[in-house]
Protein backbone atom coordinates (compact mmCIF):
# COMPACT_ATOMS: atom_id res chain seq x y z
CA MET A 1 18.24 2.95 33.05
CA LYS A 2 21.05 1.67 33.11
CA ILE A 3 24.48 1.55 34.73
CA THR A 4 27.86 -0.57 33.78
CA ILE A 5 30.96 -0.33 35.84
CA LEU A 6 33.70 0.37 34.00
CA CYS A 7 36.18 0.43 36.90
CA GLU A 8 37.15 -1.61 39.77
CA ASN A 9 39.45 -3.84 41.71
CA LEU A 10 37.89 -6.84 40.24
CA VAL A 11 37.27 -7.72 37.12
CA GLY A 12 33.79 -10.49 36.18
CA LYS A 13 33.22 -12.07 32.74
CA LEU A 14 36.41 -12.45 31.95
CA VAL A 15 36.54 -8.88 30.28
CA GLY A 16 38.62 -5.41 31.09
CA ALA A 17 40.83 -4.64 33.48
CA GLY A 18 41.45 -4.20 37.12
CA GLU A 19 42.10 -1.23 38.95
CA HIS A 20 42.51 0.61 42.12
CA GLY A 21 39.48 3.07 41.04
CA PHE A 22 36.30 3.16 40.44
CA SER A 23 34.13 4.60 37.73
CA ALA A 24 30.16 3.84 36.67
CA PHE A 25 28.76 4.49 32.94
CA ILE A 26 25.16 5.58 33.60
CA GLU A 27 22.61 5.71 30.60
CA THR A 28 18.90 6.76 31.14
CA GLY A 29 16.84 8.84 29.65
CA GLY A 30 18.42 8.40 25.78
CA GLU A 31 21.40 10.92 27.96
CA LYS A 32 24.88 9.36 29.24
CA PHE A 33 27.50 10.34 32.15
CA LEU A 34 30.13 9.09 34.30
CA PHE A 35 30.28 8.80 37.93
CA ASP A 36 33.55 9.29 38.55
CA THR A 37 37.20 7.91 36.65
CA GLY A 38 39.17 5.45 38.21
CA SER A 39 42.74 5.46 39.08
CA GLY A 40 43.06 6.66 34.72
CA HIS A 41 44.38 3.33 33.81
CA SER A 42 41.51 1.27 32.38
CA VAL A 43 38.78 4.01 32.33
CA VAL A 44 39.02 3.96 27.91
CA ALA A 45 40.30 0.53 27.42
CA ASN A 46 36.98 -0.33 29.00
CA SER A 47 34.55 1.38 27.78
CA LEU A 48 35.95 0.26 24.12
CA VAL A 49 35.97 -3.50 25.78
CA LEU A 50 32.05 -2.63 27.28
CA ASN A 51 30.71 -0.90 23.73
CA LYS A 52 30.33 3.07 26.02
CA ASP A 53 31.01 5.61 23.60
CA LEU A 54 32.84 8.11 25.96
CA ARG A 55 32.37 10.78 23.16
CA ASN A 56 29.08 11.46 24.01
CA ILE A 57 28.59 12.29 28.18
CA LYS A 58 26.77 14.42 28.54
CA LYS A 59 28.28 14.77 31.63
CA ILE A 60 30.60 13.78 34.71
CA PHE A 61 30.19 13.85 38.35
CA LEU A 62 33.04 13.11 41.18
CA SER A 63 32.68 12.20 44.35
CA HIS A 64 35.12 12.94 45.73
CA GLY A 65 38.45 14.79 45.62
CA HIS A 66 40.93 11.29 45.04
CA PHE A 67 43.18 10.05 42.86
CA ASP A 68 41.37 6.42 42.43
CA HIS A 69 38.15 8.42 41.48
CA SER A 70 39.83 11.25 38.97
CA GLY A 71 42.59 9.93 37.89
CA GLY A 72 41.19 9.16 34.33
CA LEU A 73 39.36 12.82 33.84
CA PRO A 74 42.34 14.23 31.67
CA GLU A 75 42.35 11.04 29.12
CA VAL A 76 38.18 10.93 29.53
CA LEU A 77 38.88 14.96 28.38
CA LYS A 78 40.73 14.02 25.66
CA LEU A 79 38.08 11.85 24.05
CA ARG A 80 35.27 14.25 25.10
CA GLY A 81 36.02 17.82 24.89
CA GLN A 82 33.84 20.39 26.52
CA VAL A 83 31.99 19.06 29.37
CA ASP A 84 30.13 19.81 32.31
CA VAL A 85 32.36 18.72 35.50
CA HIS A 86 30.50 18.51 38.74
CA ILE A 87 31.63 19.17 41.70
CA HIS A 88 32.05 20.19 46.18
CA PRO A 89 34.44 23.32 45.97
CA HIS A 90 36.82 21.32 48.32
CA VAL A 91 37.86 18.10 45.25
CA PHE A 92 40.91 19.81 44.85
CA LEU A 93 42.32 19.68 48.97
CA ASP A 94 45.91 18.66 48.66
CA ARG A 95 45.65 15.52 50.80
CA ILE A 96 47.86 12.65 52.34
CA ALA A 97 47.60 9.05 53.16
CA VAL A 98 49.72 7.68 56.00
CA HIS A 99 50.54 4.31 56.53
CA LYS A 100 53.12 1.92 58.59
CA GLU A 101 55.51 0.60 56.46
CA ASN A 102 58.53 -2.06 58.06
CA GLY A 103 57.80 -0.21 61.45
CA GLU A 104 58.75 3.77 59.62
CA GLU A 105 55.54 5.96 59.16
CA LYS A 106 55.21 6.74 55.31
CA LYS A 107 53.57 9.14 53.38
CA ARG A 108 52.40 9.98 49.86
CA PHE A 109 49.90 12.39 48.47
CA VAL A 110 46.38 10.84 47.37
CA GLY A 111 44.25 13.58 45.99
CA ILE A 112 43.73 14.82 42.70
CA PRO A 113 47.25 13.81 40.66
CA TYR A 114 46.33 17.02 38.04
CA LYS A 115 46.01 20.49 38.05
CA LYS A 116 42.79 22.65 38.07
CA ALA A 117 43.80 24.68 35.24
CA TYR A 118 44.96 21.52 33.58
CA LEU A 119 42.24 19.42 32.27
CA GLU A 120 40.28 23.14 32.42
CA SER A 121 43.03 23.17 28.98
CA LEU A 122 41.45 19.45 28.43
CA GLY A 123 37.56 21.08 28.40
CA ALA A 124 36.79 20.37 31.85
CA ASN A 125 34.24 23.18 32.52
CA PHE A 126 33.62 22.81 36.94
CA ILE A 127 30.14 23.49 37.91
CA LEU A 128 30.06 23.41 42.09
CA ASN A 129 27.68 22.63 44.55
CA SER A 130 27.57 21.38 48.39
CA GLY A 131 23.95 21.23 48.80
CA PHE A 132 21.76 18.50 47.22
CA ILE A 133 21.16 20.24 43.47
CA GLU A 134 18.76 18.37 40.42
CA VAL A 135 21.43 18.24 38.35
CA GLU A 136 19.36 16.30 35.21
CA LYS A 137 15.62 15.52 35.37
CA GLY A 138 15.24 12.78 37.95
CA ILE A 139 19.76 13.04 39.05
CA PHE A 140 20.56 14.78 42.43
CA LEU A 141 24.23 15.03 44.05
CA THR A 142 23.91 14.61 47.63
CA GLY A 143 26.31 17.53 48.06
CA GLU A 144 27.76 16.92 51.96
CA VAL A 145 26.34 14.85 53.95
CA PRO A 146 25.52 15.09 57.58
CA ARG A 147 27.58 12.91 60.00
CA LYS A 148 24.95 12.13 62.42
CA THR A 149 25.46 7.86 63.08
CA LEU A 150 27.76 7.05 66.47
CA PHE A 151 29.56 4.30 64.80
CA GLU A 152 30.50 5.79 61.05
CA LYS A 153 33.39 7.77 61.85
CA PRO A 154 36.65 9.41 59.41
CA ASP A 155 39.25 7.19 58.70
CA PRO A 156 42.28 7.53 60.33
CA ARG A 157 44.71 7.12 57.59
CA LEU A 158 43.59 10.08 55.72
CA PHE A 159 44.69 13.95 56.45
CA SER A 160 44.38 17.24 54.15
CA GLU A 161 46.04 19.97 53.94
CA ILE A 162 44.26 23.62 53.99
CA ASN A 163 46.93 26.66 54.20
CA GLY A 164 49.42 24.91 54.96
CA LYS A 165 47.94 23.08 57.78
CA THR A 166 47.29 19.52 57.68
CA ALA A 167 44.36 18.03 60.16
CA PRO A 168 41.88 14.12 59.84
CA ASP A 169 40.14 14.34 56.11
CA ILE A 170 36.72 14.93 56.92
CA PHE A 171 35.49 14.78 52.96
CA LEU A 172 32.94 17.33 53.43
CA ASP A 173 33.31 16.96 49.15
CA ASP A 174 32.26 13.60 49.31
CA GLN A 175 28.62 12.97 47.13
CA SER A 176 27.04 10.38 45.82
CA LEU A 177 24.67 10.22 43.04
CA VAL A 178 20.63 9.76 43.44
CA LEU A 179 18.54 8.68 39.90
CA ASP A 180 14.69 8.80 40.96
CA THR A 181 13.28 5.80 39.08
CA GLU A 182 9.39 4.61 38.76
CA LYS A 183 10.62 1.56 40.92
CA GLY A 184 12.48 3.27 43.19
CA LEU A 185 15.67 5.50 43.99
CA VAL A 186 19.35 4.79 42.50
CA LEU A 187 22.09 5.27 44.70
CA VAL A 188 25.53 5.40 43.62
CA LEU A 189 28.46 5.74 45.73
CA GLY A 190 31.85 6.19 44.86
CA CYS A 191 33.41 5.91 48.42
CA ALA A 192 30.63 6.45 51.23
CA HIS A 193 33.71 9.06 53.31
CA SER A 194 31.03 9.77 54.96
CA GLY A 195 29.94 7.04 56.29
CA MET A 196 27.07 4.35 53.73
CA ILE A 197 24.43 4.62 56.27
CA ASN A 198 24.92 8.09 56.99
CA ILE A 199 24.25 8.49 53.32
CA ILE A 200 21.13 6.61 52.63
CA ASP A 201 19.93 8.32 55.63
CA HIS A 202 20.85 12.03 54.03
CA VAL A 203 18.63 11.04 50.43
CA ILE A 204 15.69 9.73 52.29
CA ARG A 205 15.38 12.84 54.69
CA LYS A 206 16.19 14.66 51.04
CA THR A 207 14.01 13.01 49.08
CA GLY A 208 11.19 11.88 51.01
CA LYS A 209 11.13 8.40 49.69
CA GLU A 210 12.39 5.26 51.24
CA ASN A 211 12.77 2.54 48.56
CA PHE A 212 15.54 1.89 46.79
CA LYS A 213 15.72 -0.04 43.93
CA ALA A 214 19.37 -0.26 44.37
CA ILE A 215 22.51 1.06 45.96
CA LEU A 216 26.11 0.12 44.37
CA GLY A 217 29.09 2.03 44.67
CA GLY A 218 32.00 1.88 47.18
CA THR A 219 31.25 1.86 50.35
CA HIS A 220 34.57 2.31 52.40
CA LEU A 221 33.42 -0.50 55.06
CA ASP A 222 36.83 -2.67 55.29
CA PHE A 223 39.10 0.25 56.19
CA LEU A 224 36.69 0.99 59.19
CA THR A 225 36.38 -1.27 62.52
CA PRO A 226 34.14 -4.67 62.35
CA GLU A 227 31.73 -3.05 64.68
CA GLN A 228 31.20 -0.32 62.19
CA LEU A 229 30.17 -3.74 59.63
CA GLU A 230 27.75 -4.85 61.62
CA GLU A 231 26.75 -1.66 63.13
CA SER A 232 26.49 -0.81 58.70
CA ILE A 233 24.42 -4.13 58.78
CA LYS A 234 22.39 -3.59 61.45
CA ALA A 235 20.38 -0.31 59.85
CA LEU A 236 20.85 -1.50 56.38
CA LYS A 237 18.60 -4.72 57.30
CA LYS A 238 16.36 -1.77 58.46
CA MET A 239 15.53 -0.36 55.44
CA THR A 240 13.64 -1.04 51.90
CA ILE A 241 16.80 -2.01 49.84
CA ASP A 242 16.08 -4.34 46.54
CA LYS A 243 20.35 -4.92 45.48
CA ILE A 244 23.17 -3.93 47.04
CA GLY A 245 25.91 -3.99 44.67
CA VAL A 246 29.24 -3.67 46.59
CA SER A 247 32.68 -1.91 44.65
CA HIS A 248 36.14 -1.12 45.01
CA CYS A 249 36.65 -0.33 48.63
CA THR A 250 34.62 -2.00 50.26
CA GLY A 251 37.07 -5.45 50.45
CA MET A 252 36.14 -8.69 50.40
CA ARG A 253 35.79 -9.73 54.04
CA ALA A 254 33.13 -7.02 54.08
CA ALA A 255 31.54 -7.64 50.79
CA PHE A 256 30.77 -11.70 51.74
CA ARG A 257 29.13 -10.56 55.43
CA LEU A 258 26.66 -9.17 53.31
CA GLN A 259 26.23 -11.58 51.25
CA GLN A 260 25.51 -13.68 53.88
CA GLU A 261 22.90 -11.41 55.13
CA PHE A 262 21.62 -9.88 51.63
CA ASN A 263 21.71 -12.91 49.83
CA ASP A 264 20.37 -12.96 46.77
CA ARG A 265 19.77 -9.20 46.48
CA PHE A 266 23.49 -8.70 46.39
CA PHE A 267 25.76 -8.85 43.92
CA HIS A 268 29.42 -7.79 43.67
CA GLY A 269 30.13 -5.13 41.28
CA CYS A 270 32.76 -5.71 39.78
CA VAL A 271 34.03 -4.32 35.49
CA GLY A 272 31.20 -5.42 33.60
CA SER A 273 28.79 -5.20 35.94
CA VAL A 274 25.93 -4.23 34.94
CA LEU A 275 22.24 -2.57 36.73
CA GLU A 276 19.22 -2.39 34.29
CA VAL A 277 16.25 -0.84 35.76
CA GLN A 278 12.73 -1.30 33.21
CA LYS A 279 10.40 1.09 33.56
């Protein structure tokens, strides 16, 4: 099994282009899958540089409905054509980020930038799930993740609009990908809006397995409080994890702390990074 990072904020080994977004190309059991599609600027170009053929992917999985994980979907569909795209029913919610600029409150749209009908016209066959589900033999989507930790809180800058009403975004659609290998579980995170520890605990409960060969992807640790980072590290150190590879929304501050704690078990999941699990 091999996972190659196609889209990410940073570039490794002087190959490909960086962007604010995330996408991972997964090869397992002779099949190819795509988890997220980045924001749309580099997924195709990087796939060519990294020699990953998007025309042959069997399925696409979207972790949640933000532009930086779904914006590349049209470009992928133009190459691939008809393909199953697994999503949560909330993926197409209208989503807004609020931030301050020169003392003024600014709002910007951060949801999926394309209509569902347009993506379907390009070949997307959307398959909805809200629960933990096996999508291929040994490959699972987490579905909705229960929020049980006391220290993992929603990002206060992010909102969604439902029926004309704006409310803090609770990201019921945040879901991750789980691959069950002989060497342990491999967990691929999109942005971990549910909380990284909540997600891991959910996977352990659903699979009945506690050994992780690797956890990689966006952890959202940099956008929350330093206290959450330290609590998350404490929880992670109690778990059985061979490798932690962080990407995208982890941020450099959190990445450096994780590297301090996990040493050679840590790696930066930048563009071109490869995780390979041998049988």
